[in-house]
Amino acid sequence: MTSLSIAEAAEQTGLTAHTLRYYERDGLLLHAVERASSGHRRYTDEDLRWIQMVTRLRSTGMPIRDVRRYAALVREGDGNEAERLALLLAHREVVERQLAEVTSHLRAIDYKIALYEGKVGPEA
């Protein structure tokens, strides 16, 4: 089992140590991170997998309150899967709408690029 310091976990996750402490303090993690006898945080593989999920949810725009709620539901254990599913399905709809909008913007940019490439010619 992996046991990483906060600096190593930060490097592995691409987050800052400050962000990792914030995630723990704000209830976004599944449990308190284990501590070494020195009191320093030690991150496990499970911690890193969960942090990756939180990072993905945040990167796709899920509000902190929803991530916190999802983490709380997971911590509660079996019996609330329908609520977890509803939360993720609602977020998925938001992400799909955003993706469609960005795709539309990309098409407009591609159209303009094609126009300029036609005017500039192959020497550009």
N, C-alpha and C. Protein backbone atom coordinates (compact mmCIF):
# COMPACT_ATOMS: atom_id res chain seq x y z
N MET A 1 0.84 -1.19 0.00
CA MET A 1 0.00 0.00 0.00
C MET A 1 0.88 1.24 0.00
N THR A 2 0.52 2.22 -0.80
CA THR A 2 1.25 3.47 -0.89
C THR A 2 1.02 4.30 0.36
N SER A 3 2.05 4.98 0.78
CA SER A 3 1.96 5.92 1.89
C SER A 3 2.80 7.12 1.51
N LEU A 4 2.13 8.16 1.04
CA LEU A 4 2.84 9.34 0.53
C LEU A 4 2.70 10.52 1.46
N SER A 5 3.74 11.32 1.52
CA SER A 5 3.66 12.58 2.25
C SER A 5 2.75 13.53 1.49
N ILE A 6 2.41 14.64 2.11
CA ILE A 6 1.54 15.60 1.44
C ILE A 6 2.24 16.18 0.20
N ALA A 7 3.55 16.37 0.27
CA ALA A 7 4.29 16.89 -0.90
C ALA A 7 4.26 15.87 -2.04
N GLU A 8 4.45 14.59 -1.71
CA GLU A 8 4.41 13.54 -2.73
C GLU A 8 3.00 13.39 -3.31
N ALA A 9 1.99 13.47 -2.44
CA ALA A 9 0.61 13.38 -2.91
C ALA A 9 0.26 14.57 -3.79
N ALA A 10 0.75 15.74 -3.42
CA ALA A 10 0.52 16.93 -4.24
C ALA A 10 1.13 16.76 -5.62
N GLU A 11 2.36 16.26 -5.66
CA GLU A 11 3.03 16.04 -6.94
C GLU A 11 2.27 15.01 -7.78
N GLN A 12 1.84 13.94 -7.13
CA GLN A 12 1.15 12.87 -7.85
C GLN A 12 -0.22 13.31 -8.39
N THR A 13 -0.92 14.15 -7.63
CA THR A 13 -2.27 14.56 -8.02
C THR A 13 -2.29 15.84 -8.85
N GLY A 14 -1.18 16.58 -8.84
CA GLY A 14 -1.15 17.85 -9.56
C GLY A 14 -1.80 18.98 -8.78
N LEU A 15 -2.12 18.73 -7.52
CA LEU A 15 -2.72 19.75 -6.67
C LEU A 15 -1.64 20.31 -5.75
N THR A 16 -1.94 21.39 -5.09
CA THR A 16 -1.01 21.93 -4.10
C THR A 16 -1.29 21.29 -2.75
N ALA A 17 -0.31 21.36 -1.87
CA ALA A 17 -0.50 20.86 -0.50
C ALA A 17 -1.64 21.64 0.16
N HIS A 18 -1.73 22.92 -0.13
CA HIS A 18 -2.81 23.76 0.42
C HIS A 18 -4.17 23.21 -0.01
N THR A 19 -4.30 22.85 -1.28
CA THR A 19 -5.57 22.32 -1.79
C THR A 19 -5.90 20.99 -1.12
N LEU A 20 -4.91 20.14 -0.94
CA LEU A 20 -5.15 18.85 -0.28
C LEU A 20 -5.63 19.05 1.16
N ARG A 21 -5.01 19.99 1.87
CA ARG A 21 -5.46 20.28 3.24
C ARG A 21 -6.87 20.84 3.23
N TYR A 22 -7.16 21.70 2.24
CA TYR A 22 -8.51 22.27 2.12
C TYR A 22 -9.54 21.17 1.87
N TYR A 23 -9.25 20.26 0.96
CA TYR A 23 -10.17 19.16 0.66
C TYR A 23 -10.49 18.38 1.94
N GLU A 24 -9.47 18.12 2.73
CA GLU A 24 -9.68 17.37 3.97
C GLU A 24 -10.50 18.19 4.96
N ARG A 25 -10.12 19.42 5.15
CA ARG A 25 -10.78 20.30 6.12
C ARG A 25 -12.24 20.56 5.75
N ASP A 26 -12.54 20.63 4.46
CA ASP A 26 -13.89 20.99 4.00
C ASP A 26 -14.80 19.77 3.81
N GLY A 27 -14.36 18.58 4.19
CA GLY A 27 -15.22 17.41 4.12
C GLY A 27 -15.35 16.81 2.74
N LEU A 28 -14.37 17.06 1.87
CA LEU A 28 -14.45 16.52 0.52
C LEU A 28 -13.82 15.14 0.39
N LEU A 29 -13.07 14.73 1.41
CA LEU A 29 -12.44 13.42 1.38
C LEU A 29 -13.32 12.41 2.09
N LEU A 30 -13.05 11.14 1.87
CA LEU A 30 -13.87 10.08 2.46
C LEU A 30 -13.62 9.94 3.96
N HIS A 31 -12.42 10.25 4.39
CA HIS A 31 -12.08 10.14 5.80
C HIS A 31 -10.87 11.01 6.06
N ALA A 32 -10.57 11.20 7.33
CA ALA A 32 -9.37 11.96 7.67
C ALA A 32 -8.16 11.18 7.17
N VAL A 33 -7.22 11.90 6.63
CA VAL A 33 -6.00 11.27 6.12
C VAL A 33 -5.20 10.76 7.31
N GLU A 34 -4.65 9.55 7.14
CA GLU A 34 -3.84 8.96 8.20
C GLU A 34 -2.66 9.86 8.51
N ARG A 35 -2.18 9.73 9.74
CA ARG A 35 -1.02 10.51 10.17
C ARG A 35 0.11 9.58 10.61
N ALA A 36 1.32 9.97 10.27
CA ALA A 36 2.50 9.25 10.75
C ALA A 36 2.69 9.59 12.23
N SER A 37 3.57 8.89 12.89
CA SER A 37 3.82 9.17 14.31
C SER A 37 4.30 10.60 14.52
N SER A 38 4.88 11.19 13.48
CA SER A 38 5.34 12.58 13.53
C SER A 38 4.18 13.57 13.41
N GLY A 39 3.00 13.06 13.04
CA GLY A 39 1.85 13.94 12.83
C GLY A 39 1.65 14.36 11.39
N HIS A 40 2.60 14.01 10.53
CA HIS A 40 2.50 14.37 9.12
C HIS A 40 1.48 13.47 8.42
N ARG A 41 0.74 14.06 7.49
CA ARG A 41 -0.24 13.30 6.72
C ARG A 41 0.45 12.23 5.88
N ARG A 42 -0.23 11.08 5.74
CA ARG A 42 0.23 9.99 4.90
C ARG A 42 -0.94 9.57 4.02
N TYR A 43 -0.80 9.73 2.71
CA TYR A 43 -1.86 9.45 1.75
C TYR A 43 -1.73 8.04 1.20
N THR A 44 -2.87 7.32 1.17
CA THR A 44 -2.90 5.96 0.66
C THR A 44 -3.36 5.96 -0.80
N ASP A 45 -3.28 4.81 -1.43
CA ASP A 45 -3.80 4.66 -2.80
C ASP A 45 -5.28 5.03 -2.85
N GLU A 46 -6.03 4.58 -1.84
CA GLU A 46 -7.46 4.90 -1.78
C GLU A 46 -7.68 6.41 -1.71
N ASP A 47 -6.88 7.09 -0.89
CA ASP A 47 -6.97 8.56 -0.80
C ASP A 47 -6.72 9.19 -2.17
N LEU A 48 -5.69 8.71 -2.86
CA LEU A 48 -5.33 9.29 -4.16
C LEU A 48 -6.42 9.05 -5.20
N ARG A 49 -7.01 7.84 -5.18
CA ARG A 49 -8.11 7.57 -6.13
C ARG A 49 -9.29 8.50 -5.86
N TRP A 50 -9.61 8.70 -4.59
CA TRP A 50 -10.74 9.57 -4.25
C TRP A 50 -10.43 11.02 -4.62
N ILE A 51 -9.21 11.47 -4.33
CA ILE A 51 -8.81 12.84 -4.68
C ILE A 51 -8.91 13.03 -6.19
N GLN A 52 -8.54 12.01 -6.96
CA GLN A 52 -8.66 12.10 -8.42
C GLN A 52 -10.13 12.28 -8.81
N MET A 53 -11.03 11.57 -8.14
CA MET A 53 -12.46 11.70 -8.45
C MET A 53 -12.95 13.11 -8.09
N VAL A 54 -12.56 13.59 -6.92
CA VAL A 54 -12.96 14.94 -6.51
C VAL A 54 -12.43 15.96 -7.52
N THR A 55 -11.19 15.78 -7.95
CA THR A 55 -10.59 16.68 -8.92
C THR A 55 -11.38 16.66 -10.23
N ARG A 56 -11.79 15.49 -10.66
CA ARG A 56 -12.58 15.39 -11.90
C ARG A 56 -13.93 16.08 -11.74
N LEU A 57 -14.57 15.87 -10.62
CA LEU A 57 -15.86 16.52 -10.38
C LEU A 57 -15.70 18.04 -10.37
N ARG A 58 -14.68 18.53 -9.68
CA ARG A 58 -14.45 19.97 -9.63
C ARG A 58 -14.06 20.51 -11.00
N SER A 59 -13.23 19.77 -11.74
CA SER A 59 -12.78 20.23 -13.06
C SER A 59 -13.93 20.32 -14.05
N THR A 60 -14.97 19.56 -13.81
CA THR A 60 -16.13 19.62 -14.69
C THR A 60 -17.21 20.54 -14.14
N GLY A 61 -16.86 21.30 -13.11
CA GLY A 61 -17.75 22.34 -12.64
C GLY A 61 -18.71 21.97 -11.52
N MET A 62 -18.56 20.80 -10.93
CA MET A 62 -19.47 20.45 -9.84
C MET A 62 -19.19 21.38 -8.66
N PRO A 63 -20.23 22.02 -8.14
CA PRO A 63 -20.04 22.91 -6.99
C PRO A 63 -19.52 22.15 -5.77
N ILE A 64 -18.75 22.85 -4.95
CA ILE A 64 -18.19 22.25 -3.73
C ILE A 64 -19.28 21.62 -2.88
N ARG A 65 -20.43 22.29 -2.74
CA ARG A 65 -21.50 21.74 -1.89
C ARG A 65 -21.97 20.38 -2.41
N ASP A 66 -21.99 20.20 -3.74
CA ASP A 66 -22.40 18.92 -4.31
C ASP A 66 -21.32 17.85 -4.13
N VAL A 67 -20.05 18.25 -4.26
CA VAL A 67 -18.96 17.30 -4.02
C VAL A 67 -19.00 16.88 -2.56
N ARG A 68 -19.21 17.85 -1.66
CA ARG A 68 -19.29 17.54 -0.24
C ARG A 68 -20.44 16.58 0.05
N ARG A 69 -21.57 16.81 -0.60
CA ARG A 69 -22.74 15.93 -0.41
C ARG A 69 -22.44 14.53 -0.94
N TYR A 70 -21.83 14.45 -2.10
CA TYR A 70 -21.48 13.15 -2.68
C TYR A 70 -20.53 12.40 -1.75
N ALA A 71 -19.51 13.09 -1.24
CA ALA A 71 -18.56 12.46 -0.32
C ALA A 71 -19.28 11.97 0.93
N ALA A 72 -20.20 12.77 1.44
CA ALA A 72 -20.95 12.37 2.64
C ALA A 72 -21.77 11.11 2.36
N LEU A 73 -22.39 11.05 1.19
CA LEU A 73 -23.19 9.87 0.83
C LEU A 73 -22.31 8.63 0.74
N VAL A 74 -21.15 8.76 0.13
CA VAL A 74 -20.23 7.62 0.02
C VAL A 74 -19.78 7.19 1.41
N ARG A 75 -19.48 8.16 2.27
CA ARG A 75 -19.06 7.83 3.64
C ARG A 75 -20.15 7.08 4.40
N GLU A 76 -21.41 7.42 4.14
CA GLU A 76 -22.52 6.76 4.82
C GLU A 76 -22.62 5.28 4.47
N GLY A 77 -22.11 4.90 3.33
CA GLY A 77 -22.12 3.50 2.93
C GLY A 77 -23.36 3.12 2.14
N ASP A 78 -23.60 1.83 2.08
CA ASP A 78 -24.70 1.29 1.28
C ASP A 78 -26.05 1.84 1.72
N GLY A 79 -26.97 1.87 0.75
CA GLY A 79 -28.34 2.27 1.03
C GLY A 79 -28.74 3.60 0.42
N ASN A 80 -27.77 4.37 -0.06
CA ASN A 80 -28.12 5.67 -0.64
C ASN A 80 -27.65 5.78 -2.09
N GLU A 81 -27.47 4.64 -2.73
CA GLU A 81 -26.96 4.65 -4.11
C GLU A 81 -27.87 5.42 -5.06
N ALA A 82 -29.17 5.39 -4.82
CA ALA A 82 -30.10 6.13 -5.70
C ALA A 82 -29.83 7.63 -5.62
N GLU A 83 -29.53 8.12 -4.43
CA GLU A 83 -29.24 9.54 -4.27
C GLU A 83 -27.90 9.90 -4.92
N ARG A 84 -26.92 9.01 -4.75
CA ARG A 84 -25.61 9.23 -5.41
C ARG A 84 -25.79 9.27 -6.92
N LEU A 85 -26.56 8.32 -7.44
CA LEU A 85 -26.80 8.25 -8.88
C LEU A 85 -27.49 9.51 -9.37
N ALA A 86 -28.50 9.97 -8.66
CA ALA A 86 -29.21 11.19 -9.06
C ALA A 86 -28.27 12.39 -9.10
N LEU A 87 -27.41 12.49 -8.11
CA LEU A 87 -26.46 13.59 -8.06
C LEU A 87 -25.52 13.56 -9.27
N LEU A 88 -25.00 12.37 -9.57
CA LEU A 88 -24.08 12.24 -10.70
C LEU A 88 -24.78 12.42 -12.05
N LEU A 89 -26.00 11.92 -12.16
CA LEU A 89 -26.74 12.09 -13.42
C LEU A 89 -27.03 13.57 -13.68
N ALA A 90 -27.41 14.30 -12.63
CA ALA A 90 -27.67 15.73 -12.78
C ALA A 90 -26.40 16.45 -13.22
N HIS A 91 -25.29 16.09 -12.62
CA HIS A 91 -24.03 16.73 -13.00
C HIS A 91 -23.64 16.35 -14.43
N ARG A 92 -23.89 15.12 -14.80
CA ARG A 92 -23.57 14.67 -16.16
C ARG A 92 -24.33 15.50 -17.19
N GLU A 93 -25.59 15.81 -16.90
CA GLU A 93 -26.38 16.65 -17.82
C GLU A 93 -25.75 18.02 -17.99
N VAL A 94 -25.30 18.60 -16.91
CA VAL A 94 -24.63 19.91 -16.97
C VAL A 94 -23.37 19.82 -17.83
N VAL A 95 -22.57 18.79 -17.59
CA VAL A 95 -21.32 18.61 -18.35
C VAL A 95 -21.62 18.40 -19.83
N GLU A 96 -22.64 17.61 -20.14
CA GLU A 96 -22.99 17.39 -21.55
C GLU A 96 -23.43 18.68 -22.22
N ARG A 97 -24.17 19.52 -21.53
CA ARG A 97 -24.58 20.82 -22.10
C ARG A 97 -23.35 21.69 -22.35
N GLN A 98 -22.43 21.71 -21.38
CA GLN A 98 -21.21 22.50 -21.54
C GLN A 98 -20.38 21.98 -22.71
N LEU A 99 -20.29 20.67 -22.83
CA LEU A 99 -19.52 20.07 -23.91
C LEU A 99 -20.13 20.42 -25.27
N ALA A 100 -21.45 20.39 -25.36
CA ALA A 100 -22.11 20.76 -26.61
C ALA A 100 -21.83 22.22 -26.96
N GLU A 101 -21.85 23.07 -25.96
CA GLU A 101 -21.58 24.49 -26.19
C GLU A 101 -20.14 24.71 -26.65
N VAL A 102 -19.21 24.07 -25.99
CA VAL A 102 -17.79 24.21 -26.38
C VAL A 102 -17.56 23.63 -27.78
N THR A 103 -18.22 22.53 -28.09
CA THR A 103 -18.11 21.93 -29.43
C THR A 103 -18.63 22.90 -30.48
N SER A 104 -19.71 23.57 -30.19
CA SER A 104 -20.26 24.57 -31.12
C SER A 104 -19.26 25.72 -31.32
N HIS A 105 -18.66 26.17 -30.25
CA HIS A 105 -17.66 27.23 -30.36
C HIS A 105 -16.45 26.77 -31.19
N LEU A 106 -16.04 25.52 -30.97
CA LEU A 106 -14.91 24.98 -31.73
C LEU A 106 -15.24 24.92 -33.22
N ARG A 107 -16.45 24.56 -33.55
CA ARG A 107 -16.86 24.53 -34.97
C ARG A 107 -16.77 25.92 -35.59
N ALA A 108 -17.19 26.93 -34.85
CA ALA A 108 -17.11 28.30 -35.35
C ALA A 108 -15.66 28.72 -35.56
N ILE A 109 -14.80 28.34 -34.64
CA ILE A 109 -13.37 28.66 -34.77
C ILE A 109 -12.78 27.92 -35.97
N ASP A 110 -13.11 26.66 -36.12
CA ASP A 110 -12.63 25.88 -37.27
C ASP A 110 -13.09 26.50 -38.59
N TYR A 111 -14.31 27.01 -38.61
CA TYR A 111 -14.84 27.66 -39.82
C TYR A 111 -13.97 28.87 -40.17
N LYS A 112 -13.68 29.69 -39.16
CA LYS A 112 -12.86 30.89 -39.41
C LYS A 112 -11.44 30.51 -39.84
N ILE A 113 -10.89 29.47 -39.22
CA ILE A 113 -9.55 29.00 -39.60
C ILE A 113 -9.55 28.59 -41.07
N ALA A 114 -10.58 27.84 -41.49
CA ALA A 114 -10.66 27.40 -42.88
C ALA A 114 -10.75 28.60 -43.82
N LEU A 115 -11.49 29.62 -43.44
CA LEU A 115 -11.59 30.83 -44.27
C LEU A 115 -10.22 31.49 -44.44
N TYR A 116 -9.50 31.65 -43.33
CA TYR A 116 -8.20 32.31 -43.39
C TYR A 116 -7.17 31.45 -44.11
N GLU A 117 -7.22 30.13 -43.92
CA GLU A 117 -6.31 29.26 -44.64
C GLU A 117 -6.54 29.35 -46.13
N GLY A 118 -7.80 29.51 -46.54
CA GLY A 118 -8.12 29.67 -47.95
C GLY A 118 -7.59 30.95 -48.54
N LYS A 119 -7.54 32.00 -47.72
CA LYS A 119 -7.04 33.30 -48.19
C LYS A 119 -5.52 33.37 -48.15
N VAL A 120 -4.91 32.73 -47.16
CA VAL A 120 -3.46 32.79 -46.99
C VAL A 120 -2.76 31.85 -47.96
N GLY A 121 -3.36 30.72 -48.18
CA GLY A 121 -2.77 29.73 -49.10
C GLY A 121 -1.82 28.78 -48.39
N PRO A 122 -1.23 27.88 -49.14
CA PRO A 122 -0.40 26.82 -48.56
C PRO A 122 0.94 27.29 -48.03
N GLU A 123 1.38 28.51 -48.39
CA GLU A 123 2.70 28.94 -47.94
C GLU A 123 2.72 29.36 -46.47
N ALA A 124 1.61 29.45 -45.81
CA ALA A 124 1.56 29.90 -44.41
C ALA A 124 2.04 28.86 -43.44
